C-alpha atoms as a PDB file:
ATOM      1  CA  UNK A   1      -3.831   3.701 -19.919  1.00  0.00           C
ATOM      2  CA  UNK A   2      -6.994   2.999 -21.858  1.00  0.00           C
ATOM      3  CA  UNK A   3      -9.249   1.531 -19.165  1.00  0.00           C
ATOM      4  CA  UNK A   4      -9.566   0.318 -15.600  1.00  0.00           C
ATOM      5  CA  UNK A   5      -9.168  -3.244 -16.902  1.00  0.00           C
ATOM      6  CA  UNK A   6      -5.778  -2.301 -18.349  1.00  0.00           C
ATOM      7  CA  UNK A   7      -4.805  -0.594 -15.097  1.00  0.00           C
ATOM      8  CA  UNK A   8      -5.463  -3.659 -12.942  1.00  0.00           C
ATOM      9  CA  UNK A   9      -3.681  -5.970 -15.392  1.00  0.00           C
ATOM     10  CA  UNK A  10      -0.604  -3.736 -15.461  1.00  0.00           C
ATOM     11  CA  UNK A  11      -0.377  -3.016 -11.706  1.00  0.00           C
ATOM     12  CA  UNK A  12       2.167  -5.427 -10.305  1.00  0.00           C
ATOM     13  CA  UNK A  13       4.168  -5.211  -7.089  1.00  0.00           C
ATOM     14  CA  UNK A  14       7.391  -3.306  -7.718  1.00  0.00           C
ATOM     15  CA  UNK A  15      10.239  -3.806  -5.269  1.00  0.00           C
ATOM     16  CA  UNK A  16      12.968  -2.121  -7.345  1.00  0.00           C
ATOM     17  CA  UNK A  17      12.998   1.551  -8.186  1.00  0.00           C
ATOM     18  CA  UNK A  18      15.230   3.930 -10.075  1.00  0.00           C
ATOM     19  CA  UNK A  19      16.914   6.775  -8.200  1.00  0.00           C
ATOM     20  CA  UNK A  20      14.666   9.334  -9.913  1.00  0.00           C
ATOM     21  CA  UNK A  21      12.648  11.360  -7.424  1.00  0.00           C
ATOM     22  CA  UNK A  22       8.919  11.907  -7.769  1.00  0.00           C
ATOM     23  CA  UNK A  23       7.669  15.326  -8.786  1.00  0.00           C
ATOM     24  CA  UNK A  24       5.536  17.398  -6.464  1.00  0.00           C
ATOM     25  CA  UNK A  25       2.652  16.934  -8.914  1.00  0.00           C
ATOM     26  CA  UNK A  26       2.986  13.150  -8.711  1.00  0.00           C
ATOM     27  CA  UNK A  27       2.983  13.204  -4.904  1.00  0.00           C
ATOM     28  CA  UNK A  28      -0.055  15.497  -4.862  1.00  0.00           C
ATOM     29  CA  UNK A  29      -1.878  13.175  -7.286  1.00  0.00           C
ATOM     30  CA  UNK A  30      -1.120  10.181  -5.038  1.00  0.00           C
ATOM     31  CA  UNK A  31      -2.399  11.992  -1.951  1.00  0.00           C
ATOM     32  CA  UNK A  32      -5.527  13.235  -3.739  1.00  0.00           C
ATOM     33  CA  UNK A  33      -6.317   9.635  -4.631  1.00  0.00           C
ATOM     34  CA  UNK A  34      -5.851   8.596  -0.994  1.00  0.00           C
ATOM     35  CA  UNK A  35      -8.112  11.377   0.247  1.00  0.00           C
ATOM     36  CA  UNK A  36     -10.813  10.500  -2.308  1.00  0.00           C
ATOM     37  CA  UNK A  37     -11.035   6.898  -1.109  1.00  0.00           C
ATOM     38  CA  UNK A  38     -14.403   5.934   0.318  1.00  0.00           C
ATOM     39  CA  UNK A  39     -14.777   5.278   4.022  1.00  0.00           C
ATOM     40  CA  UNK A  40     -17.621   3.947   6.136  1.00  0.00           C
ATOM     41  CA  UNK A  41     -20.080   6.717   6.992  1.00  0.00           C
ATOM     42  CA  UNK A  42     -17.455   9.125   5.588  1.00  0.00           C
ATOM     43  CA  UNK A  43     -15.580   8.738   8.871  1.00  0.00           C
ATOM     44  CA  UNK A  44     -12.196   9.091   7.110  1.00  0.00           C
ATOM     45  CA  UNK A  45     -10.296   7.459   9.999  1.00  0.00           C
ATOM     46  CA  UNK A  46      -7.025   7.395   8.045  1.00  0.00           C
ATOM     47  CA  UNK A  47      -3.895   9.509   8.208  1.00  0.00           C
ATOM     48  CA  UNK A  48      -1.087   9.435   5.640  1.00  0.00           C
ATOM     49  CA  UNK A  49       2.554  10.141   6.413  1.00  0.00           C
ATOM     50  CA  UNK A  50       4.516  10.859   3.237  1.00  0.00           C
ATOM     51  CA  UNK A  51       8.179   9.962   3.735  1.00  0.00           C
ATOM     52  CA  UNK A  52      10.942  10.954   1.318  1.00  0.00           C
ATOM     53  CA  UNK A  53      13.779  11.409   3.825  1.00  0.00           C
ATOM     54  CA  UNK A  54      16.429   8.772   3.011  1.00  0.00           C
ATOM     55  CA  UNK A  55      17.337   8.155   6.671  1.00  0.00           C
ATOM     56  CA  UNK A  56      13.684   7.611   7.624  1.00  0.00           C
ATOM     57  CA  UNK A  57      13.186   5.319   4.618  1.00  0.00           C
ATOM     58  CA  UNK A  58      16.189   3.300   5.787  1.00  0.00           C
ATOM     59  CA  UNK A  59      14.732   3.040   9.291  1.00  0.00           C
ATOM     60  CA  UNK A  60      11.305   2.059   7.930  1.00  0.00           C
ATOM     61  CA  UNK A  61      12.949  -0.679   5.850  1.00  0.00           C
ATOM     62  CA  UNK A  62      13.640  -2.460   9.158  1.00  0.00           C
ATOM     63  CA  UNK A  63       9.994  -2.476  10.265  1.00  0.00           C
ATOM     64  CA  UNK A  64       9.623  -6.190   9.488  1.00  0.00           C
ATOM     65  CA  UNK A  65      11.802  -9.269   9.694  1.00  0.00           C
ATOM     66  CA  UNK A  66      11.246  -9.847   5.947  1.00  0.00           C
ATOM     67  CA  UNK A  67       9.625  -8.072   3.047  1.00  0.00           C
ATOM     68  CA  UNK A  68      10.326  -4.435   3.877  1.00  0.00           C
ATOM     69  CA  UNK A  69      14.009  -3.972   3.057  1.00  0.00           C
ATOM     70  CA  UNK A  70      13.305  -2.468  -0.387  1.00  0.00           C
ATOM     71  CA  UNK A  71      11.828   0.611   1.343  1.00  0.00           C
ATOM     72  CA  UNK A  72      15.409   1.830   1.811  1.00  0.00           C
ATOM     73  CA  UNK A  73      15.747   2.302  -1.963  1.00  0.00           C
ATOM     74  CA  UNK A  74      12.278   3.716  -2.645  1.00  0.00           C
ATOM     75  CA  UNK A  75      12.092   7.441  -3.396  1.00  0.00           C
ATOM     76  CA  UNK A  76       8.836   7.711  -1.448  1.00  0.00           C
ATOM     77  CA  UNK A  77       6.830   5.802   1.119  1.00  0.00           C
ATOM     78  CA  UNK A  78       3.250   6.459   2.162  1.00  0.00           C
ATOM     79  CA  UNK A  79       2.553   5.218   5.667  1.00  0.00           C
ATOM     80  CA  UNK A  80      -1.152   4.427   5.977  1.00  0.00           C
ATOM     81  CA  UNK A  81      -2.454   4.616   9.529  1.00  0.00           C
ATOM     82  CA  UNK A  82      -5.939   4.944  10.998  1.00  0.00           C
ATOM     83  CA  UNK A  83      -7.725   5.676  14.244  1.00  0.00           C
ATOM     84  CA  UNK A  84      -9.717   2.651  15.508  1.00  0.00           C
ATOM     85  CA  UNK A  85     -11.834   4.997  17.640  1.00  0.00           C
ATOM     86  CA  UNK A  86     -13.014   6.877  14.539  1.00  0.00           C
ATOM     87  CA  UNK A  87     -14.516   3.817  12.837  1.00  0.00           C
ATOM     88  CA  UNK A  88     -15.133   0.155  13.565  1.00  0.00           C
ATOM     89  CA  UNK A  89     -13.964  -0.632  10.033  1.00  0.00           C
ATOM     90  CA  UNK A  90     -10.746   1.393  10.148  1.00  0.00           C
ATOM     91  CA  UNK A  91      -8.710  -1.494   8.726  1.00  0.00           C
ATOM     92  CA  UNK A  92     -10.937  -1.775   5.675  1.00  0.00           C
ATOM     93  CA  UNK A  93     -11.083   1.999   5.186  1.00  0.00           C
ATOM     94  CA  UNK A  94      -7.293   2.357   5.396  1.00  0.00           C
ATOM     95  CA  UNK A  95      -6.790  -0.629   3.071  1.00  0.00           C
ATOM     96  CA  UNK A  96      -9.059   0.871   0.425  1.00  0.00           C
ATOM     97  CA  UNK A  97      -7.164   4.174   0.625  1.00  0.00           C
ATOM     98  CA  UNK A  98      -3.861   2.307   0.296  1.00  0.00           C
ATOM     99  CA  UNK A  99      -4.954   0.513  -2.859  1.00  0.00           C
ATOM    100  CA  UNK A 100      -6.171   3.842  -4.291  1.00  0.00           C
ATOM    101  CA  UNK A 101      -2.595   5.096  -3.846  1.00  0.00           C
ATOM    102  CA  UNK A 102      -1.286   2.018  -5.652  1.00  0.00           C
ATOM    103  CA  UNK A 103      -3.736   2.343  -8.530  1.00  0.00           C
ATOM    104  CA  UNK A 104      -2.954   6.049  -8.893  1.00  0.00           C
ATOM    105  CA  UNK A 105       0.756   5.235  -8.921  1.00  0.00           C
ATOM    106  CA  UNK A 106       0.225   2.780 -11.782  1.00  0.00           C
ATOM    107  CA  UNK A 107      -1.894   5.299 -13.663  1.00  0.00           C
ATOM    108  CA  UNK A 108       1.033   7.764 -13.378  1.00  0.00           C
ATOM    109  CA  UNK A 109       3.406   5.116 -14.755  1.00  0.00           C
ATOM    110  CA  UNK A 110       4.996   4.573 -11.331  1.00  0.00           C
ATOM    111  CA  UNK A 111       5.574   1.344  -9.451  1.00  0.00           C
ATOM    112  CA  UNK A 112       4.432   0.538  -5.938  1.00  0.00           C
ATOM    113  CA  UNK A 113       4.460  -2.223  -3.371  1.00  0.00           C
ATOM    114  CA  UNK A 114       2.442  -2.820  -0.201  1.00  0.00           C
ATOM    115  CA  UNK A 115       4.410  -3.513   2.974  1.00  0.00           C
ATOM    116  CA  UNK A 116       2.166  -5.120   5.586  1.00  0.00           C
ATOM    117  CA  UNK A 117       2.702  -3.610   9.061  1.00  0.00           C
ATOM    118  CA  UNK A 118      -0.384  -4.585  11.070  1.00  0.00           C
ATOM    119  CA  UNK A 119       0.165  -7.880  12.906  1.00  0.00           C
ATOM    120  CA  UNK A 120       3.820  -8.121  11.821  1.00  0.00           C
ATOM    121  CA  UNK A 121       7.096  -7.988  13.797  1.00  0.00           C
ATOM    122  CA  UNK A 122      10.638  -6.705  13.412  1.00  0.00           C
ATOM    123  CA  UNK A 123      13.672  -9.000  13.330  1.00  0.00           C
ATOM    124  CA  UNK A 124      14.011  -8.488  17.110  1.00  0.00           C
ATOM    125  CA  UNK A 125      10.351  -9.309  17.855  1.00  0.00           C
ATOM    126  CA  UNK A 126       9.026  -5.774  18.335  1.00  0.00           C
ATOM    127  CA  UNK A 127       5.540  -5.298  16.852  1.00  0.00           C
ATOM    128  CA  UNK A 128       6.022  -3.526  13.514  1.00  0.00           C
ATOM    129  CA  UNK A 129       3.340  -0.981  14.408  1.00  0.00           C
ATOM    130  CA  UNK A 130       5.232  -0.017  17.585  1.00  0.00           C
ATOM    131  CA  UNK A 131       8.435   0.291  15.569  1.00  0.00           C
ATOM    132  CA  UNK A 132       6.786   2.616  13.009  1.00  0.00           C
ATOM    133  CA  UNK A 133       5.233   4.650  15.847  1.00  0.00           C
ATOM    134  CA  UNK A 134       8.686   5.234  17.316  1.00  0.00           C
ATOM    135  CA  UNK A 135      10.348   6.102  13.998  1.00  0.00           C
ATOM    136  CA  UNK A 136       7.654   8.573  12.913  1.00  0.00           C
ATOM    137  CA  UNK A 137       6.436   9.810  16.306  1.00  0.00           C
ATOM    138  CA  UNK A 138       2.839   8.773  15.534  1.00  0.00           C
ATOM    139  CA  UNK A 139       0.088   9.618  18.019  1.00  0.00           C
ATOM    140  CA  UNK A 140      -0.788   6.713  20.307  1.00  0.00           C
ATOM    141  CA  UNK A 141      -4.337   6.274  18.946  1.00  0.00           C
ATOM    142  CA  UNK A 142      -3.186   5.664  15.368  1.00  0.00           C
ATOM    143  CA  UNK A 143      -2.567   2.130  14.148  1.00  0.00           C
ATOM    144  CA  UNK A 144      -0.386   1.516  11.102  1.00  0.00           C
ATOM    145  CA  UNK A 145      -1.951  -0.744   8.496  1.00  0.00           C
ATOM    146  CA  UNK A 146       0.742  -0.671   5.811  1.00  0.00           C
ATOM    147  CA  UNK A 147       3.431   1.289   4.056  1.00  0.00           C
ATOM    148  CA  UNK A 148       3.199   1.801   0.291  1.00  0.00           C
ATOM    149  CA  UNK A 149       6.572   2.170  -1.434  1.00  0.00           C
ATOM    150  CA  UNK A 150       6.336   4.290  -4.595  1.00  0.00           C
ATOM    151  CA  UNK A 151       8.831   5.179  -7.288  1.00  0.00           C
ATOM    152  CA  UNK A 152       9.831   4.974 -10.904  1.00  0.00           C
ATOM    153  CA  UNK A 153       9.901   1.330 -11.954  1.00  0.00           C
ATOM    154  CA  UNK A 154      13.338  -0.245 -11.701  1.00  0.00           C
ATOM    155  CA  UNK A 155      12.395  -3.444 -13.505  1.00  0.00           C
ATOM    156  CA  UNK A 156       9.951  -4.754 -16.071  1.00  0.00           C
ATOM    157  CA  UNK A 157       6.994  -6.847 -14.972  1.00  0.00           C
ATOM    158  CA  UNK A 158       4.652  -8.602 -17.370  1.00  0.00           C
ATOM    159  CA  UNK A 159       0.956  -7.734 -17.077  1.00  0.00           C
ATOM    160  CA  UNK A 160      -1.205 -10.150 -15.120  1.00  0.00           C
ATOM    161  CA  UNK A 161      -1.880 -13.229 -17.236  1.00  0.00           C
ATOM    162  CA  UNK A 162      -5.606 -13.937 -17.353  1.00  0.00           C
ATOM    163  CA  UNK A 163      -4.865 -17.622 -17.989  1.00  0.00           C
ATOM    164  CA  UNK A 164      -4.113 -17.861 -14.261  1.00  0.00           C
ATOM    165  CA  UNK A 165      -7.492 -16.537 -13.110  1.00  0.00           C
ATOM    166  CA  UNK A 166      -8.927 -18.945 -10.561  1.00  0.00           C
ATOM    167  CA  UNK A 167     -12.480 -19.175 -11.799  1.00  0.00           C
ATOM    168  CA  UNK A 168     -13.117 -21.997  -9.320  1.00  0.00           C
ATOM    169  CA  UNK A 169     -13.169 -19.281  -6.633  1.00  0.00           C
ATOM    170  CA  UNK A 170     -16.330 -17.796  -8.168  1.00  0.00           C
ATOM    171  CA  UNK A 171     -19.670 -19.134  -6.938  1.00  0.00           C
ATOM    172  CA  UNK A 172     -23.163 -18.320  -8.181  1.00  0.00           C
ATOM    173  CA  UNK A 173     -25.897 -17.868  -5.578  1.00  0.00           C
ATOM    174  CA  UNK A 174     -24.402 -20.414  -3.147  1.00  0.00           C
ATOM    175  CA  UNK A 175     -20.976 -21.755  -2.337  1.00  0.00           C
ATOM    176  CA  UNK A 176     -20.220 -24.897  -4.330  1.00  0.00           C
ATOM    177  CA  UNK A 177     -17.097 -26.988  -3.770  1.00  0.00           C
ATOM    178  CA  UNK A 178     -14.878 -26.570  -6.801  1.00  0.00           C
ATOM    179  CA  UNK A 179     -16.577 -23.338  -7.902  1.00  0.00           C
ATOM    180  CA  UNK A 180     -19.348 -22.524 -10.349  1.00  0.00           C
ATOM    181  CA  UNK A 181     -20.721 -25.445 -12.360  1.00  0.00           C
END
């Protein structure tokens, strides 16, 4: 990886992984990145639950009606939760930490994918956060924001194509319909 620009072009959501496990060094690097993420007033409201147990990964794969099933085949999942009483911007703080995990995964040559938990529901209508609480025995005050699946890439994805950048979403000084003129 030559630069941050390369990193963000190459990082694509990966929903297929090989069976190869992550090394302890890789897991430590991912968690260091999470713990180095900025937080408002350095409140660090987040907690990270690292899951590599196959049965727990299978259970977590059922946390949503759609879009979480691939967790069952991931070698590792990082559950990102936070304490709303520790910070009024706990969602933002936890989200930044989660993307740090994803960027570190890409820098290590690993794939990752965000599984939204907050404000989602299981197939049977249970709030996804409640489901994750029950599976992982999380303390009541913690709220789950997302789960990041991580593993060795099981498919090829092309880098982000800059031709698809939506420059009309950029505005200079004031909002202008249709973007910058």
